[in-house]
């Protein structure tokens, strides 16, 4: 893993934390979807670069869930009337 990849994972973790804060402090339910998305991204990256031996089919399914989750989060943020 090179430095750029490590920094990318750190940014994913920071985004995950802000998703949780959005959900808990700002009371925006789509924060949980953002947190879920970035939790999966971190897990996906770690699974690909460590010897966790997770099947590619499981990783592809998780990546699909992350994509659906962020889509729902963006739609929820867009339609949120209480900005």
PDB file of N, CA and C in Angstrom:
ATOM      1  N   UNK A   1       0.860  -1.177   0.000  1.00  0.00           N
ATOM      2  CA  UNK A   1       0.000   0.000   0.000  1.00  0.00           C
ATOM      3  C   UNK A   1       0.901   1.234   0.000  1.00  0.00           C
ATOM      4  N   UNK A   2       0.665   2.126  -0.955  1.00  0.00           N
ATOM      5  CA  UNK A   2       1.480   3.337  -0.997  1.00  0.00           C
ATOM      6  C   UNK A   2       0.847   4.443  -0.154  1.00  0.00           C
ATOM      7  N   UNK A   3       1.554   5.545  -0.036  1.00  0.00           N
ATOM      8  CA  UNK A   3       1.124   6.634   0.835  1.00  0.00           C
ATOM      9  C   UNK A   3      -0.195   7.244   0.361  1.00  0.00           C
ATOM     10  N   UNK A   4      -0.367   7.346  -0.949  1.00  0.00           N
ATOM     11  CA  UNK A   4      -1.600   7.910  -1.475  1.00  0.00           C
ATOM     12  C   UNK A   4      -2.806   7.054  -1.106  1.00  0.00           C
ATOM     13  N   UNK A   5      -2.631   5.752  -1.155  1.00  0.00           N
ATOM     14  CA  UNK A   5      -3.724   4.860  -0.780  1.00  0.00           C
ATOM     15  C   UNK A   5      -4.021   4.965   0.717  1.00  0.00           C
ATOM     16  N   UNK A   6      -2.995   5.061   1.526  1.00  0.00           N
ATOM     17  CA  UNK A   6      -3.185   5.199   2.973  1.00  0.00           C
ATOM     18  C   UNK A   6      -3.919   6.503   3.296  1.00  0.00           C
ATOM     19  N   UNK A   7      -3.553   7.581   2.627  1.00  0.00           N
ATOM     20  CA  UNK A   7      -4.222   8.865   2.847  1.00  0.00           C
ATOM     21  C   UNK A   7      -5.680   8.769   2.403  1.00  0.00           C
ATOM     22  N   UNK A   8      -5.933   8.088   1.303  1.00  0.00           N
ATOM     23  CA  UNK A   8      -7.301   7.893   0.826  1.00  0.00           C
ATOM     24  C   UNK A   8      -8.150   7.168   1.871  1.00  0.00           C
ATOM     25  N   UNK A   9      -7.615   6.125   2.466  1.00  0.00           N
ATOM     26  CA  UNK A   9      -8.347   5.400   3.513  1.00  0.00           C
ATOM     27  C   UNK A   9      -8.593   6.294   4.719  1.00  0.00           C
ATOM     28  N   UNK A  10      -7.616   7.108   5.079  1.00  0.00           N
ATOM     29  CA  UNK A  10      -7.806   8.040   6.197  1.00  0.00           C
ATOM     30  C   UNK A  10      -8.932   9.028   5.890  1.00  0.00           C
ATOM     31  N   UNK A  11      -9.006   9.510   4.647  1.00  0.00           N
ATOM     32  CA  UNK A  11     -10.088  10.423   4.256  1.00  0.00           C
ATOM     33  C   UNK A  11     -11.446   9.715   4.302  1.00  0.00           C
ATOM     34  N   UNK A  12     -11.471   8.443   3.938  1.00  0.00           N
ATOM     35  CA  UNK A  12     -12.709   7.670   4.036  1.00  0.00           C
ATOM     36  C   UNK A  12     -13.157   7.552   5.490  1.00  0.00           C
ATOM     37  N   UNK A  13     -12.213   7.320   6.398  1.00  0.00           N
ATOM     38  CA  UNK A  13     -12.548   7.218   7.827  1.00  0.00           C
ATOM     39  C   UNK A  13     -13.070   8.556   8.345  1.00  0.00           C
ATOM     40  N   UNK A  14     -12.440   9.649   7.945  1.00  0.00           N
ATOM     41  CA  UNK A  14     -12.901  10.979   8.367  1.00  0.00           C
ATOM     42  C   UNK A  14     -14.317  11.233   7.860  1.00  0.00           C
ATOM     43  N   UNK A  15     -14.586  10.852   6.614  1.00  0.00           N
ATOM     44  CA  UNK A  15     -15.924  11.019   6.053  1.00  0.00           C
ATOM     45  C   UNK A  15     -16.939  10.175   6.802  1.00  0.00           C
ATOM     46  N   UNK A  16     -16.556   8.959   7.166  1.00  0.00           N
ATOM     47  CA  UNK A  16     -17.413   8.088   7.969  1.00  0.00           C
ATOM     48  C   UNK A  16     -17.770   8.768   9.287  1.00  0.00           C
ATOM     49  N   UNK A  17     -16.783   9.342   9.959  1.00  0.00           N
ATOM     50  CA  UNK A  17     -17.018  10.023  11.239  1.00  0.00           C
ATOM     51  C   UNK A  17     -17.970  11.202  11.053  1.00  0.00           C
ATOM     52  N   UNK A  18     -17.771  11.983   9.990  1.00  0.00           N
ATOM     53  CA  UNK A  18     -18.660  13.108   9.750  1.00  0.00           C
ATOM     54  C   UNK A  18     -20.075  12.640   9.402  1.00  0.00           C
ATOM     55  N   UNK A  19     -20.200  11.492   8.771  1.00  0.00           N
ATOM     56  CA  UNK A  19     -21.526  10.929   8.528  1.00  0.00           C
ATOM     57  C   UNK A  19     -22.239  10.616   9.828  1.00  0.00           C
ATOM     58  N   UNK A  20     -21.505  10.019  10.771  1.00  0.00           N
ATOM     59  CA  UNK A  20     -22.084   9.719  12.087  1.00  0.00           C
ATOM     60  C   UNK A  20     -22.449  11.019  12.810  1.00  0.00           C
ATOM     61  N   UNK A  21     -21.584  12.016  12.733  1.00  0.00           N
ATOM     62  CA  UNK A  21     -21.892  13.307  13.367  1.00  0.00           C
ATOM     63  C   UNK A  21     -23.103  13.968  12.729  1.00  0.00           C
ATOM     64  N   UNK A  22     -23.221  13.871  11.429  1.00  0.00           N
ATOM     65  CA  UNK A  22     -24.383  14.409  10.734  1.00  0.00           C
ATOM     66  C   UNK A  22     -25.661  13.760  11.249  1.00  0.00           C
ATOM     67  N   UNK A  23     -25.588  12.460  11.477  1.00  0.00           N
ATOM     68  CA  UNK A  23     -26.760  11.722  11.961  1.00  0.00           C
ATOM     69  C   UNK A  23     -27.059  12.015  13.425  1.00  0.00           C
ATOM     70  N   UNK A  24     -26.030  12.088  14.254  1.00  0.00           N
ATOM     71  CA  UNK A  24     -26.263  12.208  15.694  1.00  0.00           C
ATOM     72  C   UNK A  24     -26.389  13.654  16.167  1.00  0.00           C
ATOM     73  N   UNK A  25     -25.523  14.521  15.685  1.00  0.00           N
ATOM     74  CA  UNK A  25     -25.537  15.908  16.154  1.00  0.00           C
ATOM     75  C   UNK A  25     -26.549  16.745  15.384  1.00  0.00           C
ATOM     76  N   UNK A  26     -26.543  16.621  14.063  1.00  0.00           N
ATOM     77  CA  UNK A  26     -27.447  17.418  13.229  1.00  0.00           C
ATOM     78  C   UNK A  26     -28.799  16.746  13.000  1.00  0.00           C
ATOM     79  N   UNK A  27     -28.926  15.506  13.490  1.00  0.00           N
ATOM     80  CA  UNK A  27     -30.195  14.755  13.384  1.00  0.00           C
ATOM     81  C   UNK A  27     -30.648  14.556  11.934  1.00  0.00           C
ATOM     82  N   UNK A  28     -29.684  14.325  11.045  1.00  0.00           N
ATOM     83  CA  UNK A  28     -29.986  14.055   9.640  1.00  0.00           C
ATOM     84  C   UNK A  28     -29.817  12.555   9.410  1.00  0.00           C
ATOM     85  N   UNK A  29     -30.922  11.882   9.145  1.00  0.00           N
ATOM     86  CA  UNK A  29     -30.876  10.419   9.019  1.00  0.00           C
ATOM     87  C   UNK A  29     -29.991   9.965   7.869  1.00  0.00           C
ATOM     88  N   UNK A  30     -29.845  10.779   6.836  1.00  0.00           N
ATOM     89  CA  UNK A  30     -28.981  10.380   5.731  1.00  0.00           C
ATOM     90  C   UNK A  30     -27.507  10.330   6.125  1.00  0.00           C
ATOM     91  N   UNK A  31     -27.172  10.867   7.282  1.00  0.00           N
ATOM     92  CA  UNK A  31     -25.806  10.743   7.795  1.00  0.00           C
ATOM     93  C   UNK A  31     -25.437   9.285   8.023  1.00  0.00           C
ATOM     94  N   UNK A  32     -26.426   8.488   8.452  1.00  0.00           N
ATOM     95  CA  UNK A  32     -26.161   7.055   8.645  1.00  0.00           C
ATOM     96  C   UNK A  32     -25.844   6.372   7.319  1.00  0.00           C
ATOM     97  N   UNK A  33     -26.519   6.791   6.254  1.00  0.00           N
ATOM     98  CA  UNK A  33     -26.247   6.211   4.936  1.00  0.00           C
ATOM     99  C   UNK A  33     -24.846   6.574   4.460  1.00  0.00           C
ATOM    100  N   UNK A  34     -24.443   7.804   4.723  1.00  0.00           N
ATOM    101  CA  UNK A  34     -23.089   8.231   4.371  1.00  0.00           C
ATOM    102  C   UNK A  34     -22.073   7.435   5.175  1.00  0.00           C
ATOM    103  N   UNK A  35     -22.327   7.288   6.478  1.00  0.00           N
ATOM    104  CA  UNK A  35     -21.419   6.515   7.334  1.00  0.00           C
ATOM    105  C   UNK A  35     -21.328   5.068   6.863  1.00  0.00           C
ATOM    106  N   UNK A  36     -22.470   4.470   6.524  1.00  0.00           N
ATOM    107  CA  UNK A  36     -22.472   3.087   6.024  1.00  0.00           C
ATOM    108  C   UNK A  36     -21.645   2.972   4.747  1.00  0.00           C
ATOM    109  N   UNK A  37     -21.861   3.894   3.827  1.00  0.00           N
ATOM    110  CA  UNK A  37     -21.118   3.879   2.569  1.00  0.00           C
ATOM    111  C   UNK A  37     -19.622   3.894   2.818  1.00  0.00           C
ATOM    112  N   UNK A  38     -19.168   4.796   3.651  1.00  0.00           N
ATOM    113  CA  UNK A  38     -17.731   4.936   3.849  1.00  0.00           C
ATOM    114  C   UNK A  38     -17.161   3.855   4.755  1.00  0.00           C
ATOM    115  N   UNK A  39     -17.990   3.280   5.622  1.00  0.00           N
ATOM    116  CA  UNK A  39     -17.545   2.101   6.369  1.00  0.00           C
ATOM    117  C   UNK A  39     -17.265   0.962   5.393  1.00  0.00           C
ATOM    118  N   UNK A  40     -18.176   0.774   4.441  1.00  0.00           N
ATOM    119  CA  UNK A  40     -17.971  -0.283   3.444  1.00  0.00           C
ATOM    120  C   UNK A  40     -16.742   0.020   2.595  1.00  0.00           C
ATOM    121  N   UNK A  41     -16.543   1.282   2.214  1.00  0.00           N
ATOM    122  CA  UNK A  41     -15.352   1.637   1.436  1.00  0.00           C
ATOM    123  C   UNK A  41     -14.067   1.289   2.192  1.00  0.00           C
ATOM    124  N   UNK A  42     -14.030   1.622   3.478  1.00  0.00           N
ATOM    125  CA  UNK A  42     -12.841   1.312   4.280  1.00  0.00           C
ATOM    126  C   UNK A  42     -12.641  -0.198   4.360  1.00  0.00           C
ATOM    127  N   UNK A  43     -13.709  -0.917   4.642  1.00  0.00           N
ATOM    128  CA  UNK A  43     -13.627  -2.377   4.720  1.00  0.00           C
ATOM    129  C   UNK A  43     -13.171  -2.964   3.387  1.00  0.00           C
ATOM    130  N   UNK A  44     -13.752  -2.477   2.299  1.00  0.00           N
ATOM    131  CA  UNK A  44     -13.420  -2.947   0.950  1.00  0.00           C
ATOM    132  C   UNK A  44     -11.932  -2.722   0.662  1.00  0.00           C
ATOM    133  N   UNK A  45     -11.447  -1.522   0.947  1.00  0.00           N
ATOM    134  CA  UNK A  45     -10.030  -1.223   0.712  1.00  0.00           C
ATOM    135  C   UNK A  45      -9.126  -2.097   1.571  1.00  0.00           C
ATOM    136  N   UNK A  46      -9.486  -2.256   2.830  1.00  0.00           N
ATOM    137  CA  UNK A  46      -8.653  -3.074   3.716  1.00  0.00           C
ATOM    138  C   UNK A  46      -8.683  -4.546   3.285  1.00  0.00           C
ATOM    139  N   UNK A  47      -9.828  -5.019   2.836  1.00  0.00           N
ATOM    140  CA  UNK A  47      -9.934  -6.415   2.387  1.00  0.00           C
ATOM    141  C   UNK A  47      -9.101  -6.665   1.140  1.00  0.00           C
ATOM    142  N   UNK A  48      -8.983  -5.667   0.286  1.00  0.00           N
ATOM    143  CA  UNK A  48      -8.205  -5.822  -0.932  1.00  0.00           C
ATOM    144  C   UNK A  48      -6.695  -5.726  -0.700  1.00  0.00           C
ATOM    145  N   UNK A  49      -6.289  -5.116   0.385  1.00  0.00           N
ATOM    146  CA  UNK A  49      -4.870  -4.890   0.603  1.00  0.00           C
ATOM    147  C   UNK A  49      -4.320  -5.559   1.855  1.00  0.00           C
ATOM    148  N   UNK A  50      -5.100  -6.451   2.439  1.00  0.00           N
ATOM    149  CA  UNK A  50      -4.632  -7.245   3.573  1.00  0.00           C
ATOM    150  C   UNK A  50      -5.050  -8.693   3.337  1.00  0.00           C
ATOM    151  N   UNK A  51      -4.471  -9.621   4.043  1.00  0.00           N
ATOM    152  CA  UNK A  51      -4.804 -11.036   3.812  1.00  0.00           C
ATOM    153  C   UNK A  51      -6.084 -11.488   4.529  1.00  0.00           C
ATOM    154  N   UNK A  52      -7.197 -10.778   4.300  1.00  0.00           N
ATOM    155  CA  UNK A  52      -8.458 -11.161   4.937  1.00  0.00           C
ATOM    156  C   UNK A  52      -9.148 -12.312   4.210  1.00  0.00           C
ATOM    157  N   UNK A  53      -8.784 -12.551   2.962  1.00  0.00           N
ATOM    158  CA  UNK A  53      -9.351 -13.636   2.152  1.00  0.00           C
ATOM    159  C   UNK A  53     -10.872 -13.599   2.082  1.00  0.00           C
ATOM    160  N   UNK A  54     -11.406 -12.439   1.754  1.00  0.00           N
ATOM    161  CA  UNK A  54     -12.843 -12.275   1.564  1.00  0.00           C
ATOM    162  C   UNK A  54     -13.129 -12.523   0.080  1.00  0.00           C
ATOM    163  N   UNK A  55     -14.167 -13.262  -0.214  1.00  0.00           N
ATOM    164  CA  UNK A  55     -14.482 -13.578  -1.604  1.00  0.00           C
ATOM    165  C   UNK A  55     -14.827 -12.311  -2.387  1.00  0.00           C
ATOM    166  N   UNK A  56     -14.433 -12.306  -3.647  1.00  0.00           N
ATOM    167  CA  UNK A  56     -14.708 -11.157  -4.515  1.00  0.00           C
ATOM    168  C   UNK A  56     -16.208 -10.936  -4.668  1.00  0.00           C
ATOM    169  N   UNK A  57     -16.993 -12.016  -4.679  1.00  0.00           N
ATOM    170  CA  UNK A  57     -18.446 -11.863  -4.801  1.00  0.00           C
ATOM    171  C   UNK A  57     -19.028 -11.091  -3.620  1.00  0.00           C
ATOM    172  N   UNK A  58     -18.522 -11.362  -2.424  1.00  0.00           N
ATOM    173  CA  UNK A  58     -18.979 -10.634  -1.236  1.00  0.00           C
ATOM    174  C   UNK A  58     -18.561  -9.165  -1.334  1.00  0.00           C
ATOM    175  N   UNK A  59     -17.337  -8.936  -1.775  1.00  0.00           N
ATOM    176  CA  UNK A  59     -16.861  -7.559  -1.915  1.00  0.00           C
ATOM    177  C   UNK A  59     -17.674  -6.799  -2.956  1.00  0.00           C
ATOM    178  N   UNK A  60     -18.013  -7.448  -4.065  1.00  0.00           N
ATOM    179  CA  UNK A  60     -18.827  -6.797  -5.092  1.00  0.00           C
ATOM    180  C   UNK A  60     -20.217  -6.467  -4.545  1.00  0.00           C
ATOM    181  N   UNK A  61     -20.792  -7.383  -3.771  1.00  0.00           N
ATOM    182  CA  UNK A  61     -22.105  -7.138  -3.170  1.00  0.00           C
ATOM    183  C   UNK A  61     -22.035  -5.972  -2.184  1.00  0.00           C
ATOM    184  N   UNK A  62     -20.981  -5.923  -1.377  1.00  0.00           N
ATOM    185  CA  UNK A  62     -20.807  -4.816  -0.443  1.00  0.00           C
ATOM    186  C   UNK A  62     -20.652  -3.493  -1.184  1.00  0.00           C
ATOM    187  N   UNK A  63     -19.902  -3.516  -2.264  1.00  0.00           N
ATOM    188  CA  UNK A  63     -19.706  -2.292  -3.041  1.00  0.00           C
ATOM    189  C   UNK A  63     -21.033  -1.827  -3.640  1.00  0.00           C
ATOM    190  N   UNK A  64     -21.879  -2.772  -4.057  1.00  0.00           N
ATOM    191  CA  UNK A  64     -23.212  -2.427  -4.553  1.00  0.00           C
ATOM    192  C   UNK A  64     -24.040  -1.768  -3.447  1.00  0.00           C
ATOM    193  N   UNK A  65     -24.009  -2.336  -2.241  1.00  0.00           N
ATOM    194  CA  UNK A  65     -24.737  -1.756  -1.107  1.00  0.00           C
ATOM    195  C   UNK A  65     -24.237  -0.335  -0.829  1.00  0.00           C
ATOM    196  N   UNK A  66     -22.927  -0.133  -0.902  1.00  0.00           N
ATOM    197  CA  UNK A  66     -22.362   1.203  -0.680  1.00  0.00           C
ATOM    198  C   UNK A  66     -22.859   2.180  -1.741  1.00  0.00           C
ATOM    199  N   UNK A  67     -22.898   1.735  -2.983  1.00  0.00           N
ATOM    200  CA  UNK A  67     -23.365   2.605  -4.069  1.00  0.00           C
ATOM    201  C   UNK A  67     -24.835   2.968  -3.880  1.00  0.00           C
ATOM    202  N   UNK A  68     -25.650   2.003  -3.517  1.00  0.00           N
ATOM    203  CA  UNK A  68     -27.066   2.263  -3.275  1.00  0.00           C
ATOM    204  C   UNK A  68     -27.246   3.182  -2.067  1.00  0.00           C
ATOM    205  N   UNK A  69     -26.438   2.970  -1.043  1.00  0.00           N
ATOM    206  CA  UNK A  69     -26.524   3.769   0.177  1.00  0.00           C
ATOM    207  C   UNK A  69     -26.201   5.239  -0.097  1.00  0.00           C
ATOM    208  N   UNK A  70     -25.145   5.503  -0.845  1.00  0.00           N
ATOM    209  CA  UNK A  70     -24.787   6.900  -1.107  1.00  0.00           C
ATOM    210  C   UNK A  70     -25.806   7.543  -2.040  1.00  0.00           C
ATOM    211  N   UNK A  71     -26.380   6.770  -2.955  1.00  0.00           N
ATOM    212  CA  UNK A  71     -27.436   7.312  -3.807  1.00  0.00           C
ATOM    213  C   UNK A  71     -28.641   7.739  -2.960  1.00  0.00           C
ATOM    214  N   UNK A  72     -29.059   6.875  -2.041  1.00  0.00           N
ATOM    215  CA  UNK A  72     -30.174   7.227  -1.155  1.00  0.00           C
ATOM    216  C   UNK A  72     -29.836   8.436  -0.280  1.00  0.00           C
ATOM    217  N   UNK A  73     -28.591   8.514   0.186  1.00  0.00           N
ATOM    218  CA  UNK A  73     -28.172   9.648   1.016  1.00  0.00           C
ATOM    219  C   UNK A  73     -28.252  10.949   0.241  1.00  0.00           C
ATOM    220  N   UNK A  74     -27.795  10.948  -0.994  1.00  0.00           N
ATOM    221  CA  UNK A  74     -27.809  12.169  -1.802  1.00  0.00           C
ATOM    222  C   UNK A  74     -29.249  12.573  -2.135  1.00  0.00           C
ATOM    223  N   UNK A  75     -30.078  11.599  -2.452  1.00  0.00           N
ATOM    224  CA  UNK A  75     -31.485  11.904  -2.713  1.00  0.00           C
ATOM    225  C   UNK A  75     -32.141  12.478  -1.455  1.00  0.00           C
ATOM    226  N   UNK A  76     -31.844  11.886  -0.299  1.00  0.00           N
ATOM    227  CA  UNK A  76     -32.407  12.387   0.965  1.00  0.00           C
ATOM    228  C   UNK A  76     -31.925  13.797   1.279  1.00  0.00           C
ATOM    229  N   UNK A  77     -30.644  14.056   1.047  1.00  0.00           N
ATOM    230  CA  UNK A  77     -30.105  15.396   1.293  1.00  0.00           C
ATOM    231  C   UNK A  77     -30.735  16.401   0.338  1.00  0.00           C
ATOM    232  N   UNK A  78     -30.924  16.015  -0.907  1.00  0.00           N
ATOM    233  CA  UNK A  78     -31.502  16.894  -1.918  1.00  0.00           C
ATOM    234  C   UNK A  78     -32.952  17.250  -1.583  1.00  0.00           C
ATOM    235  N   UNK A  79     -33.691  16.277  -1.072  1.00  0.00           N
ATOM    236  CA  UNK A  79     -35.111  16.503  -0.788  1.00  0.00           C
ATOM    237  C   UNK A  79     -35.362  16.998   0.632  1.00  0.00           C
ATOM    238  N   UNK A  80     -34.326  17.128   1.455  1.00  0.00           N
ATOM    239  CA  UNK A  80     -34.464  17.605   2.829  1.00  0.00           C
ATOM    240  C   UNK A  80     -34.897  19.070   2.833  1.00  0.00           C
ATOM    241  N   UNK A  81     -36.042  19.330   3.378  1.00  0.00           N
ATOM    242  CA  UNK A  81     -36.589  20.697   3.403  1.00  0.00           C
ATOM    243  C   UNK A  81     -36.025  21.536   4.554  1.00  0.00           C
ATOM    244  N   UNK A  82     -35.343  20.885   5.510  1.00  0.00           N
ATOM    245  CA  UNK A  82     -34.865  21.581   6.710  1.00  0.00           C
ATOM    246  C   UNK A  82     -33.367  21.854   6.665  1.00  0.00           C
ATOM    247  N   UNK A  83     -32.877  22.403   5.590  1.00  0.00           N
ATOM    248  CA  UNK A  83     -31.438  22.704   5.501  1.00  0.00           C
ATOM    249  C   UNK A  83     -31.187  23.920   6.281  1.00  0.00           C
TER     250      UNK A  83
END
